[in-house]
Amino acid sequence: MRVYPNYYENDFYRQQEKLASDILRAINGEYSAIQCYERIARLAPNERVRRQIREIREDEQRHYNEFVRIYTRMTGGQPNVQAIEGCPSTYREGLDFAFHDEQETVDFYHRIALETTSPDVREAFRNAAADEQNHAVWFLYFMTAGR
């Protein structure tokens, strides 16, 4: 009798490795955003804008914590967290950077939600994608309101 490798099992492990890698990328992206948005908030022209950017930063912190929880549960280990992006040094450049980063993150999170088989992961990334889209709208508003 000939024994064939279990392709489905190998495929499952590859999918899990990719998911863990994507979640780690999301963790590092959230970590980077947390750092950057604090800088942008300090540069903001008034307290109302500062408050809103800090509220966005709190959402990013919540996403970060949720993704670390998922990653830890999935891999059994803690993520190696590092900032993966720099942050512009001026308010206007920071807004532009944040807007584009949020928009790209929406697409990335939707892809993760579509590719996973885990209902918990799918829900976490769908919710985070909705938040990121909302953040992009705020950053776009701040970019256009200052003109």
Protein backbone atom coordinates (compact mmCIF):
# COMPACT_ATOMS: atom_id res chain seq x y z
CA MET A 1 0.00 0.00 0.00
CA ARG A 2 1.24 3.43 -0.91
CA VAL A 3 1.00 6.25 1.67
CA TYR A 4 0.31 9.75 0.43
CA PRO A 5 1.15 12.83 2.46
CA ASN A 6 -1.77 14.63 3.96
CA TYR A 7 -1.89 17.73 1.76
CA TYR A 8 -4.80 19.18 3.67
CA GLU A 9 -2.84 19.03 6.90
CA ASN A 10 0.20 20.69 5.29
CA ASP A 11 -2.05 23.34 3.75
CA PHE A 12 -3.62 24.02 7.16
CA TYR A 13 -0.21 24.56 8.76
CA ARG A 14 0.87 26.90 5.94
CA GLN A 15 -2.35 28.87 6.39
CA GLN A 16 -1.77 29.09 10.15
CA GLU A 17 1.82 30.28 9.63
CA LYS A 18 0.63 32.93 7.18
CA LEU A 19 -2.11 34.03 9.57
CA ALA A 20 0.38 34.29 12.45
CA SER A 21 2.71 36.30 10.22
CA ASP A 22 -0.12 38.62 9.16
CA ILE A 23 -1.22 39.11 12.77
CA LEU A 24 2.36 39.93 13.77
CA ARG A 25 2.49 42.49 10.95
CA ALA A 26 -0.81 43.95 12.24
CA ILE A 27 0.58 44.11 15.80
CA ASN A 28 3.68 45.95 14.62
CA GLY A 29 1.56 48.29 12.49
CA GLU A 30 -0.67 49.12 15.45
CA TYR A 31 2.39 49.66 17.64
CA SER A 32 3.82 52.03 15.03
CA ALA A 33 0.52 53.91 14.76
CA ILE A 34 0.30 54.30 18.55
CA GLN A 35 3.74 55.93 18.60
CA CYS A 36 3.08 58.11 15.55
CA TYR A 37 -0.37 59.34 16.58
CA GLU A 38 0.95 60.56 19.90
CA ARG A 39 3.46 62.66 17.97
CA ILE A 40 0.79 63.98 15.59
CA ALA A 41 -1.49 64.81 18.53
CA ARG A 42 1.26 66.87 20.17
CA LEU A 43 1.64 68.82 16.89
CA ALA A 44 -2.10 69.39 16.44
CA PRO A 45 -3.27 73.00 16.18
CA ASN A 46 -5.87 72.88 18.98
CA GLU A 47 -7.26 70.81 21.84
CA ARG A 48 -10.29 69.51 19.90
CA VAL A 49 -8.06 67.95 17.23
CA ARG A 50 -5.61 66.67 19.86
CA ARG A 51 -8.47 65.00 21.73
CA GLN A 52 -9.78 63.28 18.57
CA ILE A 53 -6.35 62.02 17.54
CA ARG A 54 -5.80 60.66 21.04
CA GLU A 55 -9.16 58.90 20.82
CA ILE A 56 -7.99 57.32 17.55
CA ARG A 57 -4.78 56.34 19.34
CA GLU A 58 -6.84 54.63 22.05
CA ASP A 59 -8.59 52.58 19.34
CA GLU A 60 -5.18 51.57 18.00
CA GLN A 61 -4.12 50.54 21.51
CA ARG A 62 -7.27 48.41 21.81
CA HIS A 63 -6.55 46.76 18.44
CA TYR A 64 -2.95 46.16 19.51
CA ASN A 65 -4.05 44.47 22.74
CA GLU A 66 -6.63 42.31 20.93
CA PHE A 67 -4.16 41.23 18.25
CA VAL A 68 -1.50 40.38 20.85
CA ARG A 69 -4.09 38.27 22.67
CA ILE A 70 -4.99 36.43 19.44
CA TYR A 71 -1.34 35.95 18.48
CA THR A 72 -0.41 34.63 21.93
CA ARG A 73 -3.35 32.23 22.00
CA MET A 74 -2.56 31.04 18.49
CA THR A 75 1.21 30.61 18.79
CA GLY A 76 1.72 30.06 22.51
CA GLY A 77 4.34 32.82 22.54
CA GLN A 78 4.63 36.57 22.81
CA PRO A 79 5.14 38.62 19.63
CA ASN A 80 8.44 40.33 18.94
CA VAL A 81 7.06 43.87 18.72
CA GLN A 82 8.86 46.59 16.82
CA ALA A 83 7.98 49.82 15.07
CA ILE A 84 7.85 49.09 11.35
CA GLU A 85 7.24 52.61 10.09
CA GLY A 86 8.62 56.00 10.88
CA CYS A 87 6.47 59.02 11.53
CA PRO A 88 6.75 62.35 9.73
CA SER A 89 7.93 65.26 11.82
CA THR A 90 5.31 67.84 10.76
CA TYR A 91 1.58 67.91 11.45
CA ARG A 92 0.49 68.11 7.78
CA GLU A 93 2.84 65.33 6.68
CA GLY A 94 1.71 63.27 9.68
CA LEU A 95 -1.94 63.62 8.68
CA ASP A 96 -1.19 62.59 5.11
CA PHE A 97 0.85 59.62 6.31
CA ALA A 98 -1.84 58.56 8.80
CA PHE A 99 -4.64 58.84 6.21
CA HIS A 100 -2.83 56.61 3.70
CA ASP A 101 -1.72 54.16 6.38
CA GLU A 102 -5.28 53.79 7.69
CA GLN A 103 -6.66 53.21 4.18
CA GLU A 104 -4.06 50.53 3.42
CA THR A 105 -4.72 48.92 6.79
CA VAL A 106 -8.45 48.65 6.04
CA ASP A 107 -7.67 46.52 2.98
CA PHE A 108 -5.12 44.42 4.87
CA TYR A 109 -7.54 43.72 7.74
CA HIS A 110 -10.35 42.83 5.34
CA ARG A 111 -8.04 40.34 3.64
CA ILE A 112 -7.15 38.72 6.95
CA ALA A 113 -10.84 38.49 7.89
CA LEU A 114 -11.67 36.87 4.54
CA GLU A 115 -8.82 34.35 4.66
CA THR A 116 -9.19 33.09 8.23
CA THR A 117 -11.41 30.21 9.28
CA SER A 118 -11.56 31.43 12.89
CA PRO A 119 -14.77 33.32 13.72
CA ASP A 120 -13.02 35.21 16.57
CA VAL A 121 -10.16 36.37 14.34
CA ARG A 122 -12.59 37.27 11.55
CA GLU A 123 -14.71 39.39 13.92
CA ALA A 124 -11.68 41.12 15.48
CA PHE A 125 -10.27 42.12 12.10
CA ARG A 126 -13.64 43.17 10.65
CA ASN A 127 -14.22 45.42 13.65
CA ALA A 128 -10.70 46.83 13.44
CA ALA A 129 -11.14 47.48 9.69
CA ALA A 130 -14.29 49.49 10.42
CA ASP A 131 -12.41 51.53 13.03
CA GLU A 132 -9.51 52.11 10.63
CA GLN A 133 -11.90 53.40 7.96
CA ASN A 134 -13.38 55.79 10.49
CA HIS A 135 -9.88 56.96 11.44
CA ALA A 136 -9.06 57.61 7.78
CA VAL A 137 -12.14 59.84 7.52
CA TRP A 138 -11.01 61.83 10.55
CA PHE A 139 -7.49 62.29 9.18
CA LEU A 140 -8.89 63.34 5.81
CA TYR A 141 -11.16 65.85 7.57
CA PHE A 142 -8.21 67.32 9.48
CA MET A 143 -6.22 67.55 6.22
CA THR A 144 -8.98 69.47 4.44
CA ALA A 145 -10.26 71.53 7.38
CA GLY A 146 -6.91 73.25 7.77
CA ARG A 147 -6.94 74.70 4.25
